Amino acid sequence: MSEIKTENTRKATKKEWIGLAVIALPCLLYAMDLTVLYLAAPQLSADLNPTPSQQLWIMDIYGFLVAGFLVIMGNLGDRIGRRKLLLYGAAAFGVASVLAAFSPSSEILILTRAILGITAATLAPSTLSLIRNMFLDPEERTFAIGIWGMSFSLGGAIGPLAGGVLLEYFWWGSVFLMSVPVMILLLIVGPKLLPEFKDPNSGKMDLPSAVLSLVSVLSIIYGLKQIAENGLGTVSILTIVVGLLVGAVFIKRQTVLEDPMIDLQLFNLPVFTAAVIGNTMTIFVALGTFLFISQYLQLVLGLSPLEAGLWTLPGAVGNVIGSLAIPMIVRKIRPLHVMLGGLVLLAIGMYMYSLIDSSNGIWVIIVGSLVMSLGICAVVILGTDIIVGSAPPERAGAAASISETAVEFGGVLGIAVLGSIGVAIFKSRINALSLPGLTPEQMENSRNTLASAVAVAKELPEPSRQILLNTAQGAFTDSLHFVSILSVGISVALALAIYSILRNRKEAEGTPEPAELDKVTR
């Protein structure tokens, strides 16, 4: 049974607030490394000449291993100390960044990207669990988590921009070196500004559980990525099924361990479960539709990658505003209502995307992304606060890893599911096209994706070129409209589900509102 207990809620000192600024820096770099390499892909390919398979692994292995090691690293931090794990991870991340920058071959770059992914998995759970222990006052902790979340948003937004500037003047490896000065700074000031926390009663980590967790997460995410890239297939389905079966074994094992990696009793708390579902599905919708918006900007509106990145900055501005405003709003309005309001904003932003056409595309995207980002902040910041606050302080690392893993799964699942739906609609719209003079190979390629259709169109004379472009871009816009409306429905359904869970919990149990649940322990 879970119970509410009173805990020291002292106010944070100047040292804690400076420490928050310090731990926000590696989070910003963590997010930048997820996006910055895409701009460097052309230079990298020309220099290292990777095979198509190697190219995919260079791009994907970082995110794979970040997701796979989050649960392991969150538990490791609880056992050896969160500050120690953060500093060890930062040092290894800096060294791996240098090795990646000067990789002489595709194989070495894949290896160093894998090391970067493993070490990056130490950053999010360590920093988030440190916040849980540094900021004991609920209002201050909510604000601190807002700043923490904002650092990820800014990293994702400025990564392509910073990378674009570096690539104008330096070689592709320069994008990796951005992290080195920051990691050095963290290693210098971290021991002085960041306190150490660990579970004094923790036992040794259960190695079989760690292996089961890693295999399960990597299998499921690999299968979902395969679906996103190639559609449903035998390999993708089998890997997902294997991952789910291994995950079931992992969960079963946690129920019999004296010191489990994941405290399953937390899921008995309706508010904890609602927060996990809310964060997962919010990111599902957000990243699933961003996949379409990024392609629309470049392949329909004809913007360069750097120009497209600049036009996504309003969304980043919305994240900054939301991250700072939500903690203040929640002091006056019940957290449940703020989360529901966030989901309404998310639905409105998605509906605006369904209105995009050739005459208003860029402005609808700007306003829609700004509205969406405010809604996402409301759900994810409060959801993360609930998830981390629901665990006892000594298990904050494990709770933080659950939060981050849920977000990773939501993003990959959104790209796979919504991306696959979009591709199916695109193909259904363009299959009716019949152009004389196209080879069978060109016809097949033009029906795969918008990018391939644009590539085929460049090889055609007028008027066939313009006919194919107009048809493909129209089919893609139709798929964007459909996915946007579907996302509106998902957002509304999610709002109703969260309201039902939290309302029923209050009526049936008479327990506190989500903002008060930072004292929940096993």
Protein backbone atom coordinates (compact mmCIF):
# COMPACT_ATOMS: atom_id res chain seq x y z
CA MET A 1 0.00 0.00 0.00
CA SER A 2 1.12 3.55 -0.68
CA GLU A 3 0.82 6.24 1.92
CA ILE A 4 1.32 9.96 2.17
CA LYS A 5 4.05 11.13 4.48
CA THR A 6 5.54 14.46 5.42
CA GLU A 7 9.05 15.26 4.22
CA ASN A 8 11.40 18.16 4.71
CA THR A 9 10.34 20.85 2.21
CA ARG A 10 13.04 23.42 2.82
CA LYS A 11 13.56 26.08 0.18
CA ALA A 12 16.46 25.70 -2.23
CA THR A 13 19.51 27.88 -1.71
CA LYS A 14 21.56 29.82 -4.25
CA LYS A 15 23.84 26.81 -4.57
CA GLU A 16 20.98 24.58 -5.76
CA TRP A 17 19.84 27.10 -8.35
CA ILE A 18 23.36 27.48 -9.74
CA GLY A 19 23.62 23.69 -9.71
CA LEU A 20 20.42 23.54 -11.79
CA ALA A 21 22.07 25.71 -14.44
CA VAL A 22 25.04 23.34 -14.44
CA ILE A 23 23.00 20.16 -14.92
CA ALA A 24 20.90 21.81 -17.66
CA LEU A 25 23.98 22.08 -19.89
CA PRO A 26 24.56 18.34 -20.50
CA CYS A 27 20.81 17.92 -21.11
CA LEU A 28 20.98 20.54 -23.84
CA LEU A 29 23.89 18.70 -25.47
CA TYR A 30 22.10 15.36 -25.13
CA ALA A 31 19.25 16.73 -27.26
CA MET A 32 21.60 18.42 -29.73
CA ASP A 33 23.37 15.15 -30.45
CA LEU A 34 20.04 13.57 -31.44
CA THR A 35 19.58 16.06 -34.31
CA VAL A 36 22.87 17.66 -35.22
CA LEU A 37 24.25 14.79 -37.30
CA TYR A 38 21.47 14.92 -39.89
CA LEU A 39 22.89 18.12 -41.38
CA ALA A 40 26.38 16.60 -41.48
CA ALA A 41 25.21 13.49 -43.35
CA PRO A 42 26.16 14.70 -46.86
CA GLN A 43 29.74 15.68 -45.87
CA LEU A 44 30.10 12.55 -43.78
CA SER A 45 28.98 10.34 -46.66
CA ALA A 46 31.39 11.96 -49.06
CA ASP A 47 34.32 11.53 -46.65
CA LEU A 48 33.71 8.06 -45.15
CA ASN A 49 31.65 6.57 -48.01
CA PRO A 50 29.42 4.42 -45.77
CA THR A 51 27.13 1.76 -47.19
CA PRO A 52 23.36 2.46 -46.94
CA SER A 53 23.21 0.12 -43.94
CA GLN A 54 26.16 1.83 -42.24
CA GLN A 55 24.57 5.23 -42.89
CA LEU A 56 21.43 4.14 -41.06
CA TRP A 57 23.38 2.78 -38.11
CA ILE A 58 25.45 5.96 -37.86
CA MET A 59 22.22 7.94 -37.52
CA ASP A 60 20.19 5.54 -35.39
CA ILE A 61 22.51 3.75 -32.97
CA TYR A 62 22.83 6.76 -30.66
CA GLY A 63 19.08 6.96 -30.03
CA PHE A 64 18.77 3.15 -29.79
CA LEU A 65 21.31 2.84 -27.01
CA VAL A 66 20.13 5.93 -25.15
CA ALA A 67 16.68 4.33 -24.89
CA GLY A 68 18.06 0.88 -24.09
CA PHE A 69 20.27 2.00 -21.21
CA LEU A 70 17.99 4.53 -19.48
CA VAL A 71 16.50 2.07 -16.99
CA ILE A 72 19.90 0.54 -16.28
CA MET A 73 21.58 3.90 -15.71
CA GLY A 74 18.75 5.23 -13.56
CA ASN A 75 19.13 2.25 -11.22
CA LEU A 76 22.91 2.46 -11.28
CA GLY A 77 22.74 6.09 -10.17
CA ASP A 78 20.53 5.12 -7.22
CA ARG A 79 23.16 2.60 -6.16
CA ILE A 80 26.53 4.32 -6.75
CA GLY A 81 25.41 7.97 -6.50
CA ARG A 82 23.74 10.25 -9.03
CA ARG A 83 26.49 12.86 -9.09
CA LYS A 84 29.17 10.20 -9.51
CA LEU A 85 27.30 8.60 -12.42
CA LEU A 86 26.68 12.00 -14.03
CA LEU A 87 30.36 12.98 -13.84
CA TYR A 88 31.59 9.60 -15.05
CA GLY A 89 29.09 9.74 -17.90
CA ALA A 90 30.07 13.31 -18.80
CA ALA A 91 33.76 12.40 -18.92
CA ALA A 92 33.08 9.38 -21.13
CA PHE A 93 30.74 11.43 -23.35
CA GLY A 94 33.45 14.05 -23.89
CA VAL A 95 36.09 11.45 -24.79
CA ALA A 96 33.70 9.65 -27.14
CA SER A 97 32.83 12.97 -28.80
CA VAL A 98 36.48 13.59 -29.65
CA LEU A 99 36.87 10.04 -30.98
CA ALA A 100 33.73 10.44 -33.10
CA ALA A 101 34.93 13.76 -34.52
CA PHE A 102 38.12 12.16 -35.85
CA SER A 103 36.70 8.77 -36.85
CA PRO A 104 38.68 7.46 -39.84
CA SER A 105 36.01 5.01 -41.01
CA SER A 106 32.29 4.29 -40.86
CA GLU A 107 32.86 1.34 -38.54
CA ILE A 108 34.73 3.48 -36.01
CA LEU A 109 32.07 6.20 -36.19
CA ILE A 110 29.32 3.66 -35.52
CA LEU A 111 31.28 2.38 -32.51
CA THR A 112 31.86 5.87 -31.11
CA ARG A 113 28.22 6.82 -31.68
CA ALA A 114 27.27 3.70 -29.71
CA ILE A 115 29.51 4.81 -26.84
CA LEU A 116 27.96 8.28 -27.01
CA GLY A 117 24.50 6.72 -26.73
CA ILE A 118 25.43 4.62 -23.69
CA THR A 119 27.07 7.55 -21.90
CA ALA A 120 24.23 9.93 -22.84
CA ALA A 121 21.85 7.55 -21.05
CA THR A 122 23.53 8.56 -17.79
CA LEU A 123 22.62 12.22 -18.24
CA ALA A 124 18.80 12.42 -18.18
CA PRO A 125 18.03 10.12 -15.20
CA SER A 126 21.00 11.44 -13.19
CA THR A 127 20.07 15.09 -13.68
CA LEU A 128 16.35 14.56 -13.13
CA SER A 129 16.87 12.50 -9.98
CA LEU A 130 19.30 15.13 -8.66
CA ILE A 131 16.54 17.71 -9.11
CA ARG A 132 14.24 15.46 -7.06
CA ASN A 133 16.70 15.64 -4.17
CA MET A 134 17.92 19.23 -4.58
CA PHE A 135 14.46 20.84 -4.73
CA LEU A 136 12.28 19.49 -1.95
CA ASP A 137 9.67 22.24 -2.12
CA PRO A 138 7.00 21.07 -4.60
CA GLU A 139 6.60 24.46 -6.31
CA GLU A 140 10.34 24.92 -6.68
CA ARG A 141 10.75 21.39 -8.00
CA THR A 142 8.07 21.95 -10.64
CA PHE A 143 9.90 25.10 -11.78
CA ALA A 144 13.25 23.27 -11.79
CA ILE A 145 11.79 20.46 -13.91
CA GLY A 146 10.48 23.13 -16.27
CA ILE A 147 14.00 24.50 -16.71
CA TRP A 148 15.32 20.95 -17.11
CA GLY A 149 12.75 20.21 -19.82
CA MET A 150 13.43 23.52 -21.53
CA SER A 151 17.10 22.59 -21.90
CA PHE A 152 16.12 19.53 -23.96
CA SER A 153 13.80 21.62 -26.14
CA LEU A 154 16.45 24.24 -26.76
CA GLY A 155 19.02 21.57 -27.56
CA GLY A 156 16.75 20.01 -30.15
CA ALA A 157 16.03 23.42 -31.68
CA ILE A 158 19.52 24.90 -31.80
CA GLY A 159 21.27 21.64 -32.69
CA PRO A 160 20.59 21.91 -36.44
CA LEU A 161 21.29 25.66 -36.40
CA ALA A 162 24.61 25.35 -34.56
CA GLY A 163 25.53 22.40 -36.73
CA GLY A 164 24.71 24.36 -39.88
CA VAL A 165 27.02 27.21 -38.82
CA LEU A 166 29.88 24.83 -37.99
CA LEU A 167 29.49 22.96 -41.26
CA GLU A 168 29.78 26.21 -43.18
CA TYR A 169 33.38 26.59 -41.98
CA PHE A 170 34.63 23.22 -40.67
CA TRP A 171 34.51 19.50 -41.42
CA TRP A 172 31.68 17.19 -40.38
CA GLY A 173 33.45 16.08 -37.19
CA SER A 174 33.23 19.59 -35.75
CA VAL A 175 29.59 19.00 -34.77
CA PHE A 176 30.76 16.48 -32.17
CA LEU A 177 33.26 18.83 -30.56
CA MET A 178 30.58 21.26 -29.35
CA SER A 179 30.04 19.08 -26.29
CA VAL A 180 33.65 18.92 -25.13
CA PRO A 181 33.95 22.40 -23.47
CA VAL A 182 30.61 21.92 -21.70
CA MET A 183 31.56 18.51 -20.35
CA ILE A 184 34.88 19.88 -19.12
CA LEU A 185 33.01 22.70 -17.33
CA LEU A 186 30.65 20.15 -15.76
CA LEU A 187 33.58 18.08 -14.50
CA ILE A 188 35.19 21.17 -12.94
CA VAL A 189 32.17 22.73 -11.20
CA GLY A 190 29.97 19.64 -10.71
CA PRO A 191 31.79 18.31 -7.61
CA LYS A 192 31.50 21.75 -5.96
CA LEU A 193 27.89 22.61 -6.82
CA LEU A 194 26.06 19.29 -7.08
CA PRO A 195 25.29 17.24 -3.96
CA GLU A 196 25.66 13.47 -3.92
CA PHE A 197 22.64 11.23 -3.38
CA LYS A 198 22.22 7.48 -3.43
CA ASP A 199 20.07 4.83 -1.82
CA PRO A 200 21.95 3.72 1.34
CA ASN A 201 19.94 0.50 1.52
CA SER A 202 20.21 -0.60 -2.09
CA GLY A 203 21.60 -3.99 -2.93
CA LYS A 204 23.55 -5.05 -5.97
CA MET A 205 21.93 -4.52 -9.34
CA ASP A 206 20.30 -7.67 -10.66
CA LEU A 207 22.31 -8.47 -13.81
CA PRO A 208 19.65 -10.70 -15.44
CA SER A 209 17.12 -7.88 -15.04
CA ALA A 210 19.53 -5.42 -16.66
CA VAL A 211 20.04 -7.75 -19.65
CA LEU A 212 16.30 -8.42 -19.99
CA SER A 213 15.54 -4.69 -19.87
CA LEU A 214 18.15 -3.90 -22.51
CA VAL A 215 17.06 -6.67 -24.89
CA SER A 216 13.39 -5.80 -24.52
CA VAL A 217 13.75 -2.06 -25.15
CA LEU A 218 16.21 -2.44 -28.03
CA SER A 219 14.11 -5.11 -29.75
CA ILE A 220 10.88 -3.11 -29.57
CA ILE A 221 12.48 0.15 -30.68
CA TYR A 222 14.37 -1.56 -33.52
CA GLY A 223 11.12 -3.13 -34.74
CA LEU A 224 9.29 0.19 -34.60
CA LYS A 225 12.08 1.94 -36.48
CA GLN A 226 11.93 -0.75 -39.17
CA ILE A 227 8.19 -0.15 -39.53
CA ALA A 228 8.79 3.61 -39.80
CA GLU A 229 11.42 3.14 -42.51
CA ASN A 230 10.20 0.09 -44.45
CA GLY A 231 6.61 -0.57 -43.39
CA LEU A 232 5.26 -3.70 -41.78
CA GLY A 233 7.43 -6.75 -42.36
CA THR A 234 8.28 -10.12 -40.87
CA VAL A 235 11.49 -8.89 -39.24
CA SER A 236 9.88 -5.84 -37.64
CA ILE A 237 6.94 -7.83 -36.26
CA LEU A 238 9.16 -10.63 -34.91
CA THR A 239 11.54 -8.24 -33.16
CA ILE A 240 8.64 -6.39 -31.51
CA VAL A 241 7.06 -9.68 -30.38
CA VAL A 242 10.42 -10.87 -28.99
CA GLY A 243 10.84 -7.54 -27.20
CA LEU A 244 7.38 -7.76 -25.66
CA LEU A 245 7.95 -11.34 -24.49
CA VAL A 246 11.32 -10.47 -22.96
CA GLY A 247 9.69 -7.41 -21.37
CA ALA A 248 7.04 -9.66 -19.80
CA VAL A 249 9.79 -11.84 -18.33
CA PHE A 250 11.52 -8.71 -17.02
CA ILE A 251 8.33 -7.48 -15.32
CA LYS A 252 7.64 -10.90 -13.83
CA ARG A 253 11.16 -10.99 -12.40
CA GLN A 254 10.68 -7.59 -10.74
CA THR A 255 7.77 -8.96 -8.71
CA VAL A 256 9.99 -11.51 -6.93
CA LEU A 257 13.16 -9.46 -6.39
CA GLU A 258 13.81 -7.91 -3.01
CA ASP A 259 15.41 -4.88 -4.67
CA PRO A 260 13.77 -4.57 -8.14
CA MET A 261 14.99 -2.28 -10.90
CA ILE A 262 11.46 -0.93 -11.36
CA ASP A 263 9.09 -0.51 -8.44
CA LEU A 264 5.89 -1.84 -10.02
CA GLN A 265 3.89 -0.68 -6.99
CA LEU A 266 4.20 2.85 -8.37
CA PHE A 267 1.83 1.85 -11.15
CA ASN A 268 -0.80 1.12 -8.49
CA LEU A 269 -0.97 4.89 -8.08
CA PRO A 270 -3.53 6.08 -10.67
CA VAL A 271 -1.89 9.49 -10.85
CA PHE A 272 1.51 7.92 -11.63
CA THR A 273 0.02 5.74 -14.36
CA ALA A 274 -1.89 8.69 -15.80
CA ALA A 275 1.30 10.77 -15.91
CA VAL A 276 3.25 8.02 -17.71
CA ILE A 277 0.46 7.54 -20.25
CA GLY A 278 0.08 11.30 -20.69
CA ASN A 279 3.77 11.88 -21.36
CA THR A 280 4.05 8.89 -23.70
CA MET A 281 1.06 9.76 -25.86
CA THR A 282 1.80 13.49 -25.93
CA ILE A 283 5.26 12.82 -27.35
CA PHE A 284 3.69 10.18 -29.63
CA VAL A 285 1.54 12.85 -31.25
CA ALA A 286 4.20 15.58 -31.20
CA LEU A 287 7.07 13.68 -32.83
CA GLY A 288 4.78 11.75 -35.16
CA THR A 289 3.49 14.97 -36.72
CA PHE A 290 6.85 16.77 -36.62
CA LEU A 291 8.08 14.11 -39.05
CA PHE A 292 5.52 15.43 -41.56
CA ILE A 293 6.13 19.10 -40.86
CA SER A 294 9.89 18.85 -41.40
CA GLN A 295 9.30 17.16 -44.78
CA TYR A 296 6.59 19.66 -45.75
CA LEU A 297 8.92 22.59 -45.14
CA GLN A 298 11.67 21.13 -47.32
CA LEU A 299 9.91 19.06 -49.98
CA VAL A 300 6.68 21.03 -50.49
CA LEU A 301 7.74 24.59 -49.66
CA GLY A 302 11.26 24.01 -51.03
CA LEU A 303 13.22 25.33 -48.02
CA SER A 304 16.79 24.29 -47.27
CA PRO A 305 17.46 22.26 -44.08
CA LEU A 306 18.83 25.38 -42.38
CA GLU A 307 15.84 27.50 -43.47
CA ALA A 308 13.47 24.79 -42.29
CA GLY A 309 15.28 24.76 -38.94
CA LEU A 310 14.87 28.52 -38.63
CA TRP A 311 11.11 28.28 -39.24
CA THR A 312 10.79 25.74 -36.42
CA LEU A 313 12.22 28.23 -33.90
CA PRO A 314 8.76 29.56 -32.90
CA GLY A 315 8.06 26.11 -31.48
CA ALA A 316 11.24 26.39 -29.43
CA VAL A 317 10.13 29.83 -28.23
CA GLY A 318 6.84 28.26 -27.15
CA ASN A 319 8.77 25.63 -25.20
CA VAL A 320 10.74 28.32 -23.38
CA ILE A 321 7.58 30.29 -22.55
CA GLY A 322 5.73 27.17 -21.46
CA SER A 323 8.60 25.87 -19.35
CA LEU A 324 8.74 29.14 -17.42
CA ALA A 325 4.99 29.81 -17.27
CA ILE A 326 3.55 26.39 -16.37
CA PRO A 327 5.17 26.22 -12.88
CA MET A 328 3.66 29.63 -12.09
CA ILE A 329 0.23 28.80 -13.54
CA VAL A 330 0.00 25.58 -11.53
CA ARG A 331 0.28 27.56 -8.31
CA LYS A 332 -3.11 29.12 -9.02
CA ILE A 333 -4.87 26.45 -11.09
CA ARG A 334 -5.25 22.76 -10.23
CA PRO A 335 -2.61 20.64 -12.00
CA LEU A 336 -5.30 18.40 -13.48
CA HIS A 337 -6.92 21.39 -15.16
CA VAL A 338 -3.56 22.65 -16.44
CA MET A 339 -2.77 19.26 -17.97
CA LEU A 340 -6.21 19.07 -19.59
CA GLY A 341 -5.76 22.60 -20.90
CA GLY A 342 -2.42 21.56 -22.35
CA LEU A 343 -4.05 18.69 -24.22
CA VAL A 344 -6.69 21.09 -25.57
CA LEU A 345 -3.90 23.35 -26.87
CA LEU A 346 -2.21 20.31 -28.40
CA ALA A 347 -5.46 19.42 -30.18
CA ILE A 348 -5.88 23.00 -31.42
CA GLY A 349 -2.34 23.05 -32.79
CA MET A 350 -2.93 19.74 -34.56
CA TYR A 351 -6.20 21.01 -36.03
CA MET A 352 -4.34 24.03 -37.43
CA TYR A 353 -1.97 21.63 -39.20
CA SER A 354 -4.99 20.09 -40.91
CA LEU A 355 -5.69 23.52 -42.51
CA ILE A 356 -2.28 23.80 -44.18
CA ASP A 357 -2.32 24.52 -47.91
CA SER A 358 -0.06 26.17 -50.46
CA SER A 359 -1.32 29.67 -49.63
CA ASN A 360 -0.91 29.61 -45.85
CA GLY A 361 1.52 26.76 -45.12
CA ILE A 362 4.35 28.57 -43.38
CA TRP A 363 2.16 30.78 -41.16
CA VAL A 364 -0.16 28.00 -40.08
CA ILE A 365 2.91 25.92 -39.17
CA ILE A 366 4.37 28.78 -37.12
CA VAL A 367 1.20 29.46 -35.14
CA GLY A 368 0.32 25.77 -34.83
CA SER A 369 3.76 24.81 -33.54
CA LEU A 370 3.68 27.67 -31.02
CA VAL A 371 0.28 26.57 -29.66
CA MET A 372 1.32 22.91 -29.63
CA SER A 373 4.56 23.57 -27.77
CA LEU A 374 2.68 25.35 -24.98
CA GLY A 375 0.35 22.38 -24.67
CA ILE A 376 3.19 19.85 -24.69
CA CYS A 377 4.97 21.75 -21.91
CA ALA A 378 1.86 21.69 -19.72
CA VAL A 379 1.49 17.91 -19.99
CA VAL A 380 5.13 16.80 -19.95
CA ILE A 381 6.43 19.13 -17.23
CA LEU A 382 3.63 18.27 -14.81
CA GLY A 383 3.70 14.61 -15.82
CA THR A 384 7.43 14.39 -15.19
CA ASP A 385 7.01 16.14 -11.83
CA ILE A 386 4.35 13.62 -10.82
CA ILE A 387 6.41 10.62 -11.94
CA VAL A 388 9.57 11.67 -10.13
CA GLY A 389 7.73 13.02 -7.09
CA SER A 390 5.78 9.77 -6.68
CA ALA A 391 8.94 7.82 -5.89
CA PRO A 392 10.78 8.01 -2.57
CA PRO A 393 13.95 10.12 -2.84
CA GLU A 394 16.27 7.10 -2.72
CA ARG A 395 14.51 5.63 -5.80
CA ALA A 396 14.34 8.85 -7.80
CA GLY A 397 16.80 7.59 -10.40
CA ALA A 398 14.66 4.57 -11.22
CA ALA A 399 11.55 6.76 -11.47
CA ALA A 400 13.39 9.24 -13.70
CA SER A 401 14.42 6.41 -16.02
CA ILE A 402 10.75 5.32 -16.30
CA SER A 403 9.83 8.87 -17.30
CA GLU A 404 12.55 9.11 -19.92
CA THR A 405 11.95 5.62 -21.32
CA ALA A 406 8.24 6.40 -21.71
CA VAL A 407 9.12 9.54 -23.68
CA GLU A 408 11.56 7.61 -25.90
CA PHE A 409 8.94 4.96 -26.62
CA GLY A 410 6.31 7.60 -27.32
CA GLY A 411 8.53 9.33 -29.87
CA VAL A 412 9.57 6.18 -31.72
CA LEU A 413 6.04 4.77 -31.64
CA GLY A 414 4.59 8.02 -32.97
CA ILE A 415 7.05 8.15 -35.87
CA ALA A 416 6.41 4.48 -36.69
CA VAL A 417 2.60 4.47 -36.41
CA LEU A 418 1.71 7.93 -37.72
CA GLY A 419 4.51 7.74 -40.29
CA SER A 420 3.18 4.41 -41.60
CA ILE A 421 -0.36 5.77 -41.80
CA GLY A 422 0.89 8.80 -43.68
CA VAL A 423 2.83 6.65 -46.16
CA ALA A 424 -0.22 4.45 -46.77
CA ILE A 425 -2.38 7.52 -47.53
CA PHE A 426 0.34 8.99 -49.76
CA LYS A 427 0.51 5.78 -51.78
CA SER A 428 -3.28 5.50 -52.07
CA ARG A 429 -3.45 9.05 -53.47
CA ILE A 430 -0.55 8.77 -55.89
CA ASN A 431 -1.25 5.26 -57.19
CA ALA A 432 -3.83 6.62 -59.59
CA LEU A 433 -1.19 8.74 -61.33
CA SER A 434 -0.27 7.64 -64.83
CA LEU A 435 2.46 9.52 -66.66
CA PRO A 436 3.76 8.46 -70.07
CA GLY A 437 7.52 8.18 -70.43
CA LEU A 438 8.28 6.94 -66.90
CA THR A 439 10.26 3.73 -66.58
CA PRO A 440 8.80 1.03 -64.29
CA GLU A 441 11.53 1.81 -61.76
CA GLN A 442 10.76 5.53 -61.80
CA MET A 443 7.05 4.83 -61.43
CA GLU A 444 7.69 2.54 -58.45
CA ASN A 445 10.03 5.04 -56.77
CA SER A 446 7.62 7.94 -57.24
CA ARG A 447 4.98 5.99 -55.33
CA ASN A 448 7.15 5.22 -52.28
CA THR A 449 7.66 8.54 -50.51
CA LEU A 450 7.51 12.25 -51.28
CA ALA A 451 11.31 12.47 -51.22
CA SER A 452 11.65 9.73 -53.84
CA ALA A 453 8.90 11.31 -55.97
CA VAL A 454 10.71 14.66 -55.88
CA ALA A 455 13.96 12.93 -56.89
CA VAL A 456 12.21 11.24 -59.86
CA ALA A 457 10.59 14.52 -60.89
CA LYS A 458 14.01 16.16 -61.25
CA GLU A 459 14.83 13.63 -63.98
CA LEU A 460 11.70 14.40 -66.05
CA PRO A 461 11.05 17.04 -68.69
CA GLU A 462 8.19 19.51 -68.47
CA PRO A 463 5.21 19.17 -68.18
CA SER A 464 5.62 15.67 -66.69
CA ARG A 465 7.94 17.06 -64.02
CA GLN A 466 5.36 19.54 -62.73
CA ILE A 467 2.50 17.05 -62.92
CA LEU A 468 4.40 14.54 -60.77
CA LEU A 469 5.49 17.22 -58.31
CA ASN A 470 1.97 18.64 -57.91
CA THR A 471 0.45 15.19 -57.50
CA ALA A 472 3.07 13.99 -54.99
CA GLN A 473 2.98 17.19 -52.95
CA GLY A 474 -0.82 17.13 -52.94
CA ALA A 475 -0.83 13.49 -51.82
CA PHE A 476 1.62 14.30 -49.03
CA THR A 477 -0.46 17.27 -47.89
CA ASP A 478 -3.51 15.00 -47.78
CA SER A 479 -1.60 12.55 -45.56
CA LEU A 480 -0.54 15.43 -43.29
CA HIS A 481 -4.16 16.55 -42.99
CA PHE A 482 -5.35 13.04 -42.12
CA VAL A 483 -2.63 12.44 -39.52
CA SER A 484 -3.32 15.87 -37.99
CA ILE A 485 -7.03 15.13 -37.59
CA LEU A 486 -6.19 11.71 -36.16
CA SER A 487 -3.84 13.41 -33.69
CA VAL A 488 -6.64 15.77 -32.66
CA GLY A 489 -8.73 12.71 -31.81
CA ILE A 490 -5.87 11.10 -29.88
CA SER A 491 -5.31 14.31 -27.89
CA VAL A 492 -9.00 14.61 -27.00
CA ALA A 493 -9.21 10.91 -26.06
CA LEU A 494 -6.10 11.28 -23.90
CA ALA A 495 -7.61 14.28 -22.12
CA LEU A 496 -10.79 12.31 -21.38
CA ALA A 497 -8.79 9.31 -20.15
CA ILE A 498 -6.62 11.40 -17.80
CA TYR A 499 -9.65 13.23 -16.48
CA SER A 500 -11.43 9.95 -15.85
CA ILE A 501 -8.45 8.38 -14.06
CA LEU A 502 -7.74 11.34 -11.80
CA ARG A 503 -11.39 12.22 -11.16
CA ASN A 504 -12.22 8.65 -10.18
CA ARG A 505 -9.17 8.52 -7.97
CA LYS A 506 -10.26 11.62 -6.07
CA GLU A 507 -13.86 10.48 -5.69
CA ALA A 508 -13.03 6.90 -4.70
CA GLU A 509 -10.07 7.46 -2.42
CA GLY A 510 -10.28 11.06 -1.28
CA THR A 511 -6.55 11.47 -1.92
CA PRO A 512 -4.70 14.70 -2.76
CA GLU A 513 -4.40 16.37 -6.12
CA PRO A 514 -1.36 15.56 -8.33
CA ALA A 515 0.69 18.54 -7.10
CA GLU A 516 0.55 17.13 -3.57
CA LEU A 517 1.69 13.65 -4.55
CA ASP A 518 5.38 14.40 -4.21
CA LYS A 519 5.29 12.65 -0.83
CA VAL A 520 4.17 9.25 -2.10
CA THR A 521 6.33 6.33 -1.01
CA ARG A 522 6.08 2.61 -1.07
